[in-house]
């Protein structure tokens, strides 16, 4: 792999990481802590939405983000010819 390809590969990888970590931060901290009072005015299945984000939502989103990252990295590896 050439140096230019290596730099492009890592740049895309870091872009993916920044986007996914931003989503995680938004769901975990912003929705689960900072906006909890506003979200608690909405109820889903009898539970306040702020409570749901703080207790279960952030975990579900984190697991989904793991699978999204795996898919993105597999695609990126194929694009640059470094797949296993």
C-alpha atoms as a PDB file:
ATOM      1  CA  UNK A   1       0.000   0.000   0.000  1.00  0.00           C
ATOM      2  CA  UNK A   2       1.427   3.377  -0.948  1.00  0.00           C
ATOM      3  CA  UNK A   3       1.895   6.165   1.555  1.00  0.00           C
ATOM      4  CA  UNK A   4      -0.865   8.219  -0.056  1.00  0.00           C
ATOM      5  CA  UNK A   5      -3.285   5.298   0.220  1.00  0.00           C
ATOM      6  CA  UNK A   6      -2.306   4.732   3.852  1.00  0.00           C
ATOM      7  CA  UNK A   7      -2.970   8.383   4.672  1.00  0.00           C
ATOM      8  CA  UNK A   8      -6.314   8.310   2.846  1.00  0.00           C
ATOM      9  CA  UNK A   9      -7.268   5.071   4.626  1.00  0.00           C
ATOM     10  CA  UNK A  10      -6.539   6.511   8.068  1.00  0.00           C
ATOM     11  CA  UNK A  11      -8.226   9.797   7.243  1.00  0.00           C
ATOM     12  CA  UNK A  12     -11.436   7.961   6.335  1.00  0.00           C
ATOM     13  CA  UNK A  13     -11.110   5.747   9.405  1.00  0.00           C
ATOM     14  CA  UNK A  14     -10.750   8.779  11.693  1.00  0.00           C
ATOM     15  CA  UNK A  15     -13.703  10.444   9.989  1.00  0.00           C
ATOM     16  CA  UNK A  16     -15.849   7.386  10.694  1.00  0.00           C
ATOM     17  CA  UNK A  17     -14.675   7.339  14.301  1.00  0.00           C
ATOM     18  CA  UNK A  18     -15.423  11.032  14.793  1.00  0.00           C
ATOM     19  CA  UNK A  19     -18.931  10.676  13.384  1.00  0.00           C
ATOM     20  CA  UNK A  20     -19.764   7.543  15.383  1.00  0.00           C
ATOM     21  CA  UNK A  21     -18.332   8.936  18.625  1.00  0.00           C
ATOM     22  CA  UNK A  22     -20.318  12.130  18.087  1.00  0.00           C
ATOM     23  CA  UNK A  23     -23.505  10.093  17.758  1.00  0.00           C
ATOM     24  CA  UNK A  24     -22.600   8.167  20.909  1.00  0.00           C
ATOM     25  CA  UNK A  25     -21.928  11.420  22.796  1.00  0.00           C
ATOM     26  CA  UNK A  26     -25.193  12.924  21.599  1.00  0.00           C
ATOM     27  CA  UNK A  27     -27.269   9.942  22.681  1.00  0.00           C
ATOM     28  CA  UNK A  28     -25.429   9.176  25.938  1.00  0.00           C
ATOM     29  CA  UNK A  29     -24.679  12.575  27.372  1.00  0.00           C
ATOM     30  CA  UNK A  30     -26.846  15.124  25.613  1.00  0.00           C
ATOM     31  CA  UNK A  31     -30.072  13.095  25.507  1.00  0.00           C
ATOM     32  CA  UNK A  32     -29.408  11.086  28.680  1.00  0.00           C
ATOM     33  CA  UNK A  33     -28.174  13.920  30.912  1.00  0.00           C
ATOM     34  CA  UNK A  34     -28.528  17.446  29.536  1.00  0.00           C
ATOM     35  CA  UNK A  35     -31.923  17.166  27.824  1.00  0.00           C
ATOM     36  CA  UNK A  36     -33.442  14.651  30.209  1.00  0.00           C
ATOM     37  CA  UNK A  37     -36.027  17.091  31.598  1.00  0.00           C
ATOM     38  CA  UNK A  38     -37.284  18.065  28.149  1.00  0.00           C
ATOM     39  CA  UNK A  39     -37.335  14.442  26.959  1.00  0.00           C
ATOM     40  CA  UNK A  40     -39.186  13.293  30.091  1.00  0.00           C
ATOM     41  CA  UNK A  41     -42.279  15.120  28.854  1.00  0.00           C
ATOM     42  CA  UNK A  42     -42.597  12.390  26.176  1.00  0.00           C
ATOM     43  CA  UNK A  43     -43.652   8.889  27.221  1.00  0.00           C
ATOM     44  CA  UNK A  44     -43.066   5.649  25.323  1.00  0.00           C
ATOM     45  CA  UNK A  45     -44.690   2.452  26.635  1.00  0.00           C
ATOM     46  CA  UNK A  46     -45.264   4.172  29.965  1.00  0.00           C
ATOM     47  CA  UNK A  47     -41.632   5.228  30.428  1.00  0.00           C
ATOM     48  CA  UNK A  48     -40.329   8.749  30.148  1.00  0.00           C
ATOM     49  CA  UNK A  49     -38.118   9.194  27.075  1.00  0.00           C
ATOM     50  CA  UNK A  50     -35.278  10.808  29.056  1.00  0.00           C
ATOM     51  CA  UNK A  51     -35.213   7.820  31.401  1.00  0.00           C
ATOM     52  CA  UNK A  52     -35.221   5.453  28.421  1.00  0.00           C
ATOM     53  CA  UNK A  53     -32.229   7.201  26.801  1.00  0.00           C
ATOM     54  CA  UNK A  54     -30.299   7.193  30.067  1.00  0.00           C
ATOM     55  CA  UNK A  55     -31.028   3.562  30.956  1.00  0.00           C
ATOM     56  CA  UNK A  56     -31.443   1.553  27.769  1.00  0.00           C
ATOM     57  CA  UNK A  57     -31.223   3.773  24.726  1.00  0.00           C
ATOM     58  CA  UNK A  58     -27.566   4.634  25.062  1.00  0.00           C
ATOM     59  CA  UNK A  59     -26.636   0.956  25.362  1.00  0.00           C
ATOM     60  CA  UNK A  60     -28.687  -0.032  22.330  1.00  0.00           C
ATOM     61  CA  UNK A  61     -27.234   2.796  20.278  1.00  0.00           C
ATOM     62  CA  UNK A  62     -23.706   1.831  21.371  1.00  0.00           C
ATOM     63  CA  UNK A  63     -24.212  -1.774  20.226  1.00  0.00           C
ATOM     64  CA  UNK A  64     -25.683  -0.595  16.908  1.00  0.00           C
ATOM     65  CA  UNK A  65     -22.700   1.732  16.436  1.00  0.00           C
ATOM     66  CA  UNK A  66     -20.344  -1.219  16.895  1.00  0.00           C
ATOM     67  CA  UNK A  67     -22.043  -3.090  14.050  1.00  0.00           C
ATOM     68  CA  UNK A  68     -22.089   0.044  11.885  1.00  0.00           C
ATOM     69  CA  UNK A  69     -18.355   0.511  12.499  1.00  0.00           C
ATOM     70  CA  UNK A  70     -17.646  -3.107  11.547  1.00  0.00           C
ATOM     71  CA  UNK A  71     -19.608  -2.677   8.304  1.00  0.00           C
ATOM     72  CA  UNK A  72     -17.882   0.618   7.498  1.00  0.00           C
ATOM     73  CA  UNK A  73     -14.431  -0.812   8.185  1.00  0.00           C
ATOM     74  CA  UNK A  74     -15.071  -3.915   6.089  1.00  0.00           C
ATOM     75  CA  UNK A  75     -16.109  -1.672   3.205  1.00  0.00           C
ATOM     76  CA  UNK A  76     -13.089   0.578   3.751  1.00  0.00           C
ATOM     77  CA  UNK A  77     -10.725  -2.409   3.883  1.00  0.00           C
ATOM     78  CA  UNK A  78     -12.094  -3.710   0.574  1.00  0.00           C
ATOM     79  CA  UNK A  79     -11.780  -0.259  -0.981  1.00  0.00           C
ATOM     80  CA  UNK A  80      -8.067  -0.086  -0.127  1.00  0.00           C
ATOM     81  CA  UNK A  81      -7.335  -3.771  -0.656  1.00  0.00           C
ATOM     82  CA  UNK A  82      -6.409  -4.642   2.921  1.00  0.00           C
ATOM     83  CA  UNK A  83      -9.284  -6.986   3.766  1.00  0.00           C
ATOM     84  CA  UNK A  84      -8.587 -10.262   5.499  1.00  0.00           C
END
